[in-house]
C-alpha atoms as a PDB file:
ATOM      1  CA  MET A   1      15.460  -1.754  -0.774  1.00  0.00           C
ATOM      2  CA  THR A   2      17.155  -0.778   2.346  1.00  0.00           C
ATOM      3  CA  ASP A   3      17.489   2.519   4.659  1.00  0.00           C
ATOM      4  CA  ASN A   4      19.272   3.932   6.816  1.00  0.00           C
ATOM      5  CA  ILE A   5      19.236   3.880  10.759  1.00  0.00           C
ATOM      6  CA  THR A   6      21.051   6.623  12.019  1.00  0.00           C
ATOM      7  CA  SER A   7      20.557   6.811  15.737  1.00  0.00           C
ATOM      8  CA  VAL A   8      20.168   3.329  16.638  1.00  0.00           C
ATOM      9  CA  GLY A   9      22.464   3.810  19.938  1.00  0.00           C
ATOM     10  CA  GLY A  10      21.163   3.570  23.686  1.00  0.00           C
ATOM     11  CA  GLY A  11      22.907   5.262  26.805  1.00  0.00           C
ATOM     12  CA  SER A  12      22.169   8.155  28.733  1.00  0.00           C
ATOM     13  CA  ARG A  13      24.538  11.353  28.516  1.00  0.00           C
ATOM     14  CA  SER A  14      24.311  14.595  30.140  1.00  0.00           C
ATOM     15  CA  GLU A  15      23.201  17.131  27.826  1.00  0.00           C
ATOM     16  CA  THR A  16      26.821  18.841  28.182  1.00  0.00           C
ATOM     17  CA  GLY A  17      28.320  15.420  27.238  1.00  0.00           C
ATOM     18  CA  VAL A  18      26.012  14.749  24.099  1.00  0.00           C
ATOM     19  CA  SER A  19      26.877  18.682  22.950  1.00  0.00           C
ATOM     20  CA  ALA A  20      30.687  18.450  23.913  1.00  0.00           C
ATOM     21  CA  LEU A  21      30.765  14.736  21.437  1.00  0.00           C
ATOM     22  CA  LYS A  22      28.247  16.023  18.498  1.00  0.00           C
ATOM     23  CA  GLY A  23      31.685  17.795  17.010  1.00  0.00           C
ATOM     24  CA  ARG A  24      34.203  14.640  17.328  1.00  0.00           C
ATOM     25  CA  THR A  25      34.834  12.718  14.357  1.00  0.00           C
ATOM     26  CA  GLY A  26      37.655   9.588  14.232  1.00  0.00           C
ATOM     27  CA  ALA A  27      39.432   7.785  17.080  1.00  0.00           C
ATOM     28  CA  GLY A  28      37.804  10.648  20.051  1.00  0.00           C
ATOM     29  CA  ALA A  29      34.397  10.191  18.589  1.00  0.00           C
ATOM     30  CA  PRO A  30      31.745   7.412  20.384  1.00  0.00           C
ATOM     31  CA  ALA A  31      31.290   4.205  18.632  1.00  0.00           C
ATOM     32  CA  GLU A  32      28.128   4.078  18.130  1.00  0.00           C
ATOM     33  CA  THR A  33      28.518   7.336  15.827  1.00  0.00           C
ATOM     34  CA  ARG A  34      30.888   5.611  13.521  1.00  0.00           C
ATOM     35  CA  GLY A  35      28.932   4.720  10.496  1.00  0.00           C
ATOM     36  CA  ARG A  36      25.677   3.531   9.206  1.00  0.00           C
ATOM     37  CA  THR A  37      23.411   0.556   9.875  1.00  0.00           C
ATOM     38  CA  THR A  38      21.297  -0.266   7.455  1.00  0.00           C
ATOM     39  CA  ILE A  39      18.348  -2.810   7.823  1.00  0.00           C
ATOM     40  CA  ALA A  40      16.834  -4.407   4.863  1.00  0.00           C
ATOM     41  CA  ASP A  41      12.793  -4.958   4.572  1.00  0.00           C
ATOM     42  CA  GLY A  42      13.216  -8.200   4.688  1.00  0.00           C
ATOM     43  CA  VAL A  43      15.068  -8.765   7.845  1.00  0.00           C
ATOM     44  CA  VAL A  44      12.194  -6.523   9.508  1.00  0.00           C
ATOM     45  CA  ALA A  45       9.849  -9.227   7.624  1.00  0.00           C
ATOM     46  CA  LYS A  46      11.693 -12.129   9.185  1.00  0.00           C
ATOM     47  CA  ILE A  47      11.819 -10.552  12.650  1.00  0.00           C
ATOM     48  CA  ALA A  48       8.103 -10.129  12.622  1.00  0.00           C
ATOM     49  CA  GLY A  49       6.575 -13.460  11.356  1.00  0.00           C
ATOM     50  CA  MET A  50       9.112 -15.091  13.879  1.00  0.00           C
ATOM     51  CA  ALA A  51       7.218 -13.142  16.477  1.00  0.00           C
ATOM     52  CA  ALA A  52       3.668 -13.703  15.619  1.00  0.00           C
ATOM     53  CA  ARG A  53       4.119 -17.651  15.268  1.00  0.00           C
ATOM     54  CA  GLU A  54       5.565 -17.646  18.752  1.00  0.00           C
ATOM     55  CA  VAL A  55       2.129 -16.433  19.896  1.00  0.00           C
ATOM     56  CA  PRO A  56      -0.159 -19.443  21.359  1.00  0.00           C
ATOM     57  CA  GLY A  57      -3.180 -19.348  19.303  1.00  0.00           C
ATOM     58  CA  ILE A  58      -1.825 -18.496  15.914  1.00  0.00           C
ATOM     59  CA  HIS A  59      -1.715 -21.583  13.424  1.00  0.00           C
ATOM     60  CA  SER A  60       0.356 -19.956  10.092  1.00  0.00           C
ATOM     61  CA  LEU A  61       0.549 -16.857   8.574  1.00  0.00           C
ATOM     62  CA  GLY A  62      -0.423 -16.311   4.857  1.00  0.00           C
ATOM     63  CA  ALA A  63      -3.723 -15.726   3.105  1.00  0.00           C
ATOM     64  CA  GLY A  64      -5.121 -19.111   1.603  1.00  0.00           C
ATOM     65  CA  MET A  65      -3.594 -18.686  -1.984  1.00  0.00           C
ATOM     66  CA  ALA A  66      -0.173 -17.971  -0.233  1.00  0.00           C
ATOM     67  CA  ARG A  67      -0.369 -20.497   2.006  1.00  0.00           C
ATOM     68  CA  ALA A  68      -1.605 -23.103  -0.907  1.00  0.00           C
ATOM     69  CA  PHE A  69       1.884 -22.043  -3.267  1.00  0.00           C
ATOM     70  CA  GLY A  70       3.791 -22.128  -0.694  1.00  0.00           C
ATOM     71  CA  ALA A  71       2.722 -25.452   0.606  1.00  0.00           C
ATOM     72  CA  MET A  72       3.640 -26.792  -2.677  1.00  0.00           C
ATOM     73  CA  ARG A  73       6.776 -24.857  -2.917  1.00  0.00           C
ATOM     74  CA  GLU A  74       8.317 -26.166   0.142  1.00  0.00           C
ATOM     75  CA  ARG A  75       7.962 -29.930  -1.486  1.00  0.00           C
ATOM     76  CA  VAL A  76       9.453 -29.186  -4.245  1.00  0.00           C
ATOM     77  CA  PRO A  77      13.421 -29.660  -3.705  1.00  0.00           C
ATOM     78  CA  GLY A  78      15.658 -26.679  -4.150  1.00  0.00           C
ATOM     79  CA  ALA A  79      12.465 -24.372  -4.422  1.00  0.00           C
ATOM     80  CA  GLY A  80      13.916 -21.943  -1.594  1.00  0.00           C
ATOM     81  CA  GLY A  81      11.508 -22.551   1.260  1.00  0.00           C
ATOM     82  CA  GLY A  82      12.983 -20.199   2.754  1.00  0.00           C
ATOM     83  CA  GLY A  83      10.096 -18.033   2.656  1.00  0.00           C
ATOM     84  CA  ALA A  84       7.716 -19.475   5.172  1.00  0.00           C
ATOM     85  CA  VAL A  85       9.165 -17.333   7.485  1.00  0.00           C
ATOM     86  CA  THR A  86       7.929 -14.337   5.732  1.00  0.00           C
ATOM     87  CA  ARG A  87       4.397 -15.936   4.157  1.00  0.00           C
ATOM     88  CA  GLY A  88       1.860 -13.235   4.852  1.00  0.00           C
ATOM     89  CA  VAL A  89       4.088 -10.893   6.232  1.00  0.00           C
ATOM     90  CA  LYS A  90       4.819  -7.399   4.895  1.00  0.00           C
ATOM     91  CA  VAL A  91       6.458  -4.286   5.836  1.00  0.00           C
ATOM     92  CA  GLU A  92       7.727  -0.721   5.040  1.00  0.00           C
ATOM     93  CA  VAL A  93      11.094   0.769   6.940  1.00  0.00           C
ATOM     94  CA  GLY A  94      11.927   4.150   6.937  1.00  0.00           C
ATOM     95  CA  GLU A  95      15.077   5.613   8.384  1.00  0.00           C
ATOM     96  CA  ARG A  96      13.459   5.345  11.897  1.00  0.00           C
ATOM     97  CA  GLN A  97      10.637   3.799  11.993  1.00  0.00           C
ATOM     98  CA  ALA A  98       8.457   0.552  10.525  1.00  0.00           C
ATOM     99  CA  ALA A  99       5.000  -0.497   9.868  1.00  0.00           C
ATOM    100  CA  VAL A 100       4.147  -4.296   9.970  1.00  0.00           C
ATOM    101  CA  ASP A 101       0.916  -6.194   7.930  1.00  0.00           C
ATOM    102  CA  LEU A 102       0.118  -9.657   9.190  1.00  0.00           C
ATOM    103  CA  ASP A 103      -2.441 -12.070   7.678  1.00  0.00           C
ATOM    104  CA  VAL A 104      -3.012 -14.744  10.243  1.00  0.00           C
ATOM    105  CA  VAL A 105      -4.806 -18.141  10.513  1.00  0.00           C
ATOM    106  CA  VAL A 106      -6.111 -18.140  14.199  1.00  0.00           C
ATOM    107  CA  GLU A 107      -6.707 -21.779  16.175  1.00  0.00           C
ATOM    108  CA  TYR A 108     -10.531 -22.148  16.677  1.00  0.00           C
ATOM    109  CA  GLY A 109     -11.881 -21.487  20.097  1.00  0.00           C
ATOM    110  CA  VAL A 110      -9.098 -18.791  20.936  1.00  0.00           C
ATOM    111  CA  SER A 111     -10.408 -15.210  21.989  1.00  0.00           C
ATOM    112  CA  ILE A 112      -8.932 -13.252  18.000  1.00  0.00           C
ATOM    113  CA  VAL A 113      -8.867  -9.907  20.122  1.00  0.00           C
ATOM    114  CA  ASP A 114      -6.816 -11.223  22.968  1.00  0.00           C
ATOM    115  CA  VAL A 115      -4.521 -12.967  20.186  1.00  0.00           C
ATOM    116  CA  ALA A 116      -3.861  -9.886  18.245  1.00  0.00           C
ATOM    117  CA  GLY A 117      -3.308  -8.496  21.008  1.00  0.00           C
ATOM    118  CA  GLY A 118      -0.527 -10.687  22.059  1.00  0.00           C
ATOM    119  CA  VAL A 119       0.729 -10.845  18.415  1.00  0.00           C
ATOM    120  CA  ARG A 120       0.910  -7.151  18.252  1.00  0.00           C
ATOM    121  CA  THR A 121       2.925  -7.098  21.932  1.00  0.00           C
ATOM    122  CA  ASN A 122       5.447  -9.629  20.507  1.00  0.00           C
ATOM    123  CA  VAL A 123       6.095  -7.867  16.896  1.00  0.00           C
ATOM    124  CA  ILE A 124       6.633  -4.476  17.988  1.00  0.00           C
ATOM    125  CA  SER A 125       8.742  -5.807  21.165  1.00  0.00           C
ATOM    126  CA  ALA A 126      10.967  -7.828  19.054  1.00  0.00           C
ATOM    127  CA  VAL A 127      10.968  -5.586  16.267  1.00  0.00           C
ATOM    128  CA  GLU A 128      12.166  -2.592  18.379  1.00  0.00           C
ATOM    129  CA  ARG A 129      14.382  -4.314  20.595  1.00  0.00           C
ATOM    130  CA  MET A 130      16.281  -6.289  17.913  1.00  0.00           C
ATOM    131  CA  THR A 131      16.206  -3.147  15.107  1.00  0.00           C
ATOM    132  CA  GLY A 132      16.197  -0.011  16.754  1.00  0.00           C
ATOM    133  CA  LEU A 133      13.407   1.297  14.559  1.00  0.00           C
ATOM    134  CA  GLU A 134      10.222   2.503  16.234  1.00  0.00           C
ATOM    135  CA  VAL A 135       7.206   0.316  15.293  1.00  0.00           C
ATOM    136  CA  VAL A 136       4.468   2.892  14.392  1.00  0.00           C
ATOM    137  CA  GLU A 137       1.864   0.431  13.646  1.00  0.00           C
ATOM    138  CA  VAL A 138       1.004  -3.764  13.401  1.00  0.00           C
ATOM    139  CA  ASN A 139      -1.845  -4.335  11.007  1.00  0.00           C
ATOM    140  CA  ILE A 140      -3.573  -7.809  11.590  1.00  0.00           C
ATOM    141  CA  ALA A 141      -5.709  -9.491   8.999  1.00  0.00           C
ATOM    142  CA  VAL A 142      -7.654 -12.301  10.297  1.00  0.00           C
ATOM    143  CA  ASP A 143      -8.145 -14.953   7.010  1.00  0.00           C
ATOM    144  CA  ASP A 144      -9.390 -18.093   8.084  1.00  0.00           C
ATOM    145  CA  VAL A 145     -10.028 -19.832  11.553  1.00  0.00           C
ATOM    146  CA  HIS A 146      -8.184 -23.445  11.820  1.00  0.00           C
ATOM    147  CA  LEU A 147     -10.316 -26.269  12.619  1.00  0.00           C
ATOM    148  CA  PRO A 148      -9.310 -29.127  14.509  1.00  0.00           C
ATOM    149  CA  ASP A 149     -10.996 -31.357  11.997  1.00  0.00           C
ATOM    150  CA  ASP A 150      -9.126 -29.751   9.385  1.00  0.00           C
ATOM    151  CA  GLU A 151      -5.735 -31.731  10.023  1.00  0.00           C
ATOM    152  CA  GLU A 152      -7.622 -35.352   9.716  1.00  0.00           C
ATOM    153  CA  GLU A 153      -9.290 -34.475   6.264  1.00  0.00           C
ATOM    154  CA  GLN A 154      -5.868 -33.134   5.259  1.00  0.00           C
ATOM    155  CA  THR A 155      -4.089 -36.299   6.507  1.00  0.00           C
ATOM    156  CA  GLU A 156      -6.628 -38.984   4.726  1.00  0.00           C
ATOM    157  CA  PRO A 157      -5.638 -38.414   1.271  1.00  0.00           C
ATOM    158  CA  ASN A 158      -2.115 -39.308   1.875  1.00  0.00           C
ATOM    159  CA  GLU A 159      -2.445 -42.346   3.109  1.00  0.00           C
ATOM    160  CA  GLY A 160      -3.605 -43.653  -0.398  1.00  0.00           C
ATOM    161  CA  ARG A 161      -6.675 -45.896  -1.501  1.00  0.00           C
ATOM    162  CA  VAL A 162      -5.586 -49.422  -1.184  1.00  0.00           C
ATOM    163  CA  ARG A 163      -4.870 -50.884   2.450  1.00  0.00           C
END
């Protein structure tokens, strides 16, 4: 589903200049008022997912089952591993606003409150800067804590039984 963005243009004009330009159409109208920009939900989800992953202390996004199915899907050739960016991200996009829900796994030892604050700041900044939408909320569900031992346990079975 896509929604219209009707007023993404920035710029500061005097009140008289804006009212004088409102009635203009065609070649005399400002460039930012000629047409509509439509942003799909998936675009906002990708931006939010990338911004969340940039924050130190975030191990991955997605709840347990979503991560498990995503890991299997990424190993199958041609199965489309492109969904990894939006795994654990749900967005609602309106005409001028967006809301973001994230399922995250944090690294052991980090302050979850600090990481959540960093994620909110980064996601809001990226989405608003890139889309012009106002982000009204970023809800974060911490689904798991990644322990340093987890990676060692995952690599051992892949080595095989015989050396």
